[in-house]
């Protein structure tokens, strides 16, 4: 299940309020500012800071 473009336009990183972009494999949303990756589970983004991991 793909995340809609409209939803991606309104979602922001809960930590720094930066823009998030979907990863190529659609397994997470990555913040362009702080590099936190929020998982996508069953087609739903889990936008909780405690669930995020930081990637390079």
N, C-alpha and C. Protein backbone atom coordinates (compact mmCIF):
# COMPACT_ATOMS: atom_id res chain seq x y z
N UNK A 1 0.84 -1.18 0.00
CA UNK A 1 0.00 0.00 0.00
C UNK A 1 0.88 1.24 0.00
N UNK A 2 0.73 2.06 -0.99
CA UNK A 2 1.55 3.26 -1.11
C UNK A 2 0.96 4.41 -0.29
N UNK A 3 1.84 5.26 0.19
CA UNK A 3 1.41 6.44 0.93
C UNK A 3 1.04 7.51 -0.09
N UNK A 4 -0.09 8.15 0.12
CA UNK A 4 -0.57 9.14 -0.85
C UNK A 4 0.32 10.38 -0.87
N UNK A 5 0.37 11.00 -2.02
CA UNK A 5 1.16 12.23 -2.20
C UNK A 5 0.65 13.33 -1.28
N UNK A 6 -0.65 13.38 -1.09
CA UNK A 6 -1.24 14.41 -0.22
C UNK A 6 -0.77 14.24 1.23
N UNK A 7 -0.69 13.00 1.69
CA UNK A 7 -0.22 12.75 3.05
C UNK A 7 1.25 13.13 3.19
N UNK A 8 2.07 12.77 2.21
CA UNK A 8 3.49 13.12 2.26
C UNK A 8 3.71 14.62 2.30
N UNK A 9 2.82 15.38 1.66
CA UNK A 9 2.97 16.84 1.64
C UNK A 9 2.73 17.48 2.99
N UNK A 10 1.94 16.83 3.86
CA UNK A 10 1.63 17.44 5.16
C UNK A 10 2.45 16.86 6.31
N UNK A 11 3.06 15.69 6.11
CA UNK A 11 3.85 15.09 7.18
C UNK A 11 5.19 15.82 7.35
N UNK A 12 5.60 16.01 8.59
CA UNK A 12 6.91 16.55 8.91
C UNK A 12 7.51 15.72 10.03
N UNK A 13 8.80 15.83 10.19
CA UNK A 13 9.51 15.14 11.26
C UNK A 13 9.03 15.68 12.61
N UNK A 14 8.59 14.82 13.52
CA UNK A 14 8.14 15.31 14.82
C UNK A 14 9.28 15.84 15.69
N UNK A 15 10.52 15.48 15.36
CA UNK A 15 11.66 15.94 16.15
C UNK A 15 12.08 17.36 15.77
N UNK A 16 12.30 17.60 14.48
CA UNK A 16 12.83 18.90 14.05
C UNK A 16 11.90 19.67 13.12
N UNK A 17 10.78 19.08 12.74
CA UNK A 17 9.80 19.69 11.83
C UNK A 17 10.32 19.79 10.40
N UNK A 18 11.34 19.01 10.06
CA UNK A 18 11.89 18.99 8.70
C UNK A 18 11.03 18.17 7.76
N UNK A 19 11.29 18.33 6.48
CA UNK A 19 10.58 17.58 5.44
C UNK A 19 10.97 16.11 5.50
N UNK A 20 10.01 15.23 5.29
CA UNK A 20 10.29 13.80 5.22
C UNK A 20 10.05 13.31 3.80
N UNK A 21 10.88 12.37 3.39
CA UNK A 21 10.77 11.77 2.05
C UNK A 21 10.72 10.27 2.19
N UNK A 22 9.95 9.66 1.34
CA UNK A 22 9.81 8.20 1.37
C UNK A 22 11.09 7.55 0.85
N UNK A 23 11.53 6.49 1.50
CA UNK A 23 12.71 5.76 1.06
C UNK A 23 12.35 4.93 -0.17
N UNK A 24 13.35 4.62 -1.00
CA UNK A 24 13.09 3.88 -2.24
C UNK A 24 12.32 2.58 -2.06
N UNK A 25 12.59 1.83 -1.01
CA UNK A 25 11.90 0.56 -0.79
C UNK A 25 10.56 0.74 -0.08
N UNK A 26 10.19 1.98 0.19
CA UNK A 26 8.95 2.33 0.89
C UNK A 26 8.85 1.66 2.26
N UNK A 27 10.01 1.54 2.94
CA UNK A 27 10.02 0.95 4.27
C UNK A 27 10.07 2.00 5.37
N UNK A 28 10.27 3.26 4.99
CA UNK A 28 10.34 4.32 5.98
C UNK A 28 10.29 5.70 5.35
N UNK A 29 10.13 6.68 6.23
CA UNK A 29 10.16 8.09 5.83
C UNK A 29 11.39 8.71 6.48
N UNK A 30 12.25 9.32 5.68
CA UNK A 30 13.50 9.88 6.18
C UNK A 30 13.44 11.39 6.19
N UNK A 31 13.83 11.98 7.32
CA UNK A 31 13.88 13.43 7.46
C UNK A 31 15.12 13.96 6.74
N UNK A 32 14.94 15.00 5.94
CA UNK A 32 16.07 15.56 5.21
C UNK A 32 16.97 16.41 6.11
N UNK A 33 16.48 16.82 7.28
CA UNK A 33 17.26 17.66 8.18
C UNK A 33 18.07 16.84 9.20
N UNK A 34 17.38 16.03 10.00
CA UNK A 34 18.06 15.32 11.10
C UNK A 34 18.36 13.85 10.77
N UNK A 35 17.95 13.38 9.59
CA UNK A 35 18.25 12.03 9.07
C UNK A 35 17.58 10.91 9.86
N UNK A 36 16.55 11.23 10.64
CA UNK A 36 15.80 10.18 11.32
C UNK A 36 14.91 9.48 10.31
N UNK A 37 14.81 8.16 10.46
CA UNK A 37 13.97 7.36 9.58
C UNK A 37 12.84 6.78 10.42
N UNK A 38 11.62 7.12 10.03
CA UNK A 38 10.42 6.64 10.71
C UNK A 38 9.87 5.46 9.93
N UNK A 39 9.61 4.33 10.60
CA UNK A 39 9.17 3.13 9.88
C UNK A 39 7.76 3.26 9.32
N UNK A 40 7.51 2.49 8.28
CA UNK A 40 6.16 2.37 7.73
C UNK A 40 5.74 0.93 8.00
N UNK A 41 4.65 0.77 8.75
CA UNK A 41 4.15 -0.56 9.10
C UNK A 41 2.73 -0.73 8.57
N UNK A 42 2.52 -1.75 7.78
CA UNK A 42 1.21 -2.02 7.18
C UNK A 42 0.67 -0.80 6.44
N UNK A 43 1.57 -0.07 5.78
CA UNK A 43 1.18 1.09 4.99
C UNK A 43 0.95 2.36 5.79
N UNK A 44 1.24 2.32 7.11
CA UNK A 44 1.00 3.47 7.98
C UNK A 44 2.33 3.97 8.53
N UNK A 45 2.65 5.26 8.32
CA UNK A 45 3.89 5.81 8.88
C UNK A 45 3.79 5.91 10.41
N UNK A 46 4.82 5.42 11.09
CA UNK A 46 4.88 5.49 12.55
C UNK A 46 5.76 6.69 12.88
N UNK A 47 5.13 7.83 13.12
CA UNK A 47 5.85 9.08 13.32
C UNK A 47 6.11 9.35 14.80
N UNK A 48 6.72 8.39 15.47
CA UNK A 48 7.08 8.52 16.88
C UNK A 48 8.60 8.61 16.98
N UNK A 49 9.08 9.60 17.72
CA UNK A 49 10.52 9.81 17.86
C UNK A 49 11.21 8.56 18.41
N UNK A 50 10.58 7.89 19.36
CA UNK A 50 11.17 6.69 19.96
C UNK A 50 11.28 5.53 18.98
N UNK A 51 10.50 5.53 17.92
CA UNK A 51 10.52 4.46 16.92
C UNK A 51 11.52 4.73 15.79
N UNK A 52 12.02 5.96 15.71
CA UNK A 52 12.92 6.35 14.62
C UNK A 52 14.34 5.87 14.86
N UNK A 53 15.07 5.71 13.75
CA UNK A 53 16.50 5.43 13.83
C UNK A 53 17.21 6.51 12.99
N UNK A 54 18.45 6.78 13.31
CA UNK A 54 19.19 7.80 12.58
C UNK A 54 20.11 7.11 11.58
N UNK A 55 20.03 7.54 10.33
CA UNK A 55 20.87 7.00 9.25
C UNK A 55 21.71 8.11 8.65
N UNK A 56 22.79 7.70 8.01
CA UNK A 56 23.64 8.67 7.29
C UNK A 56 23.04 9.01 5.96
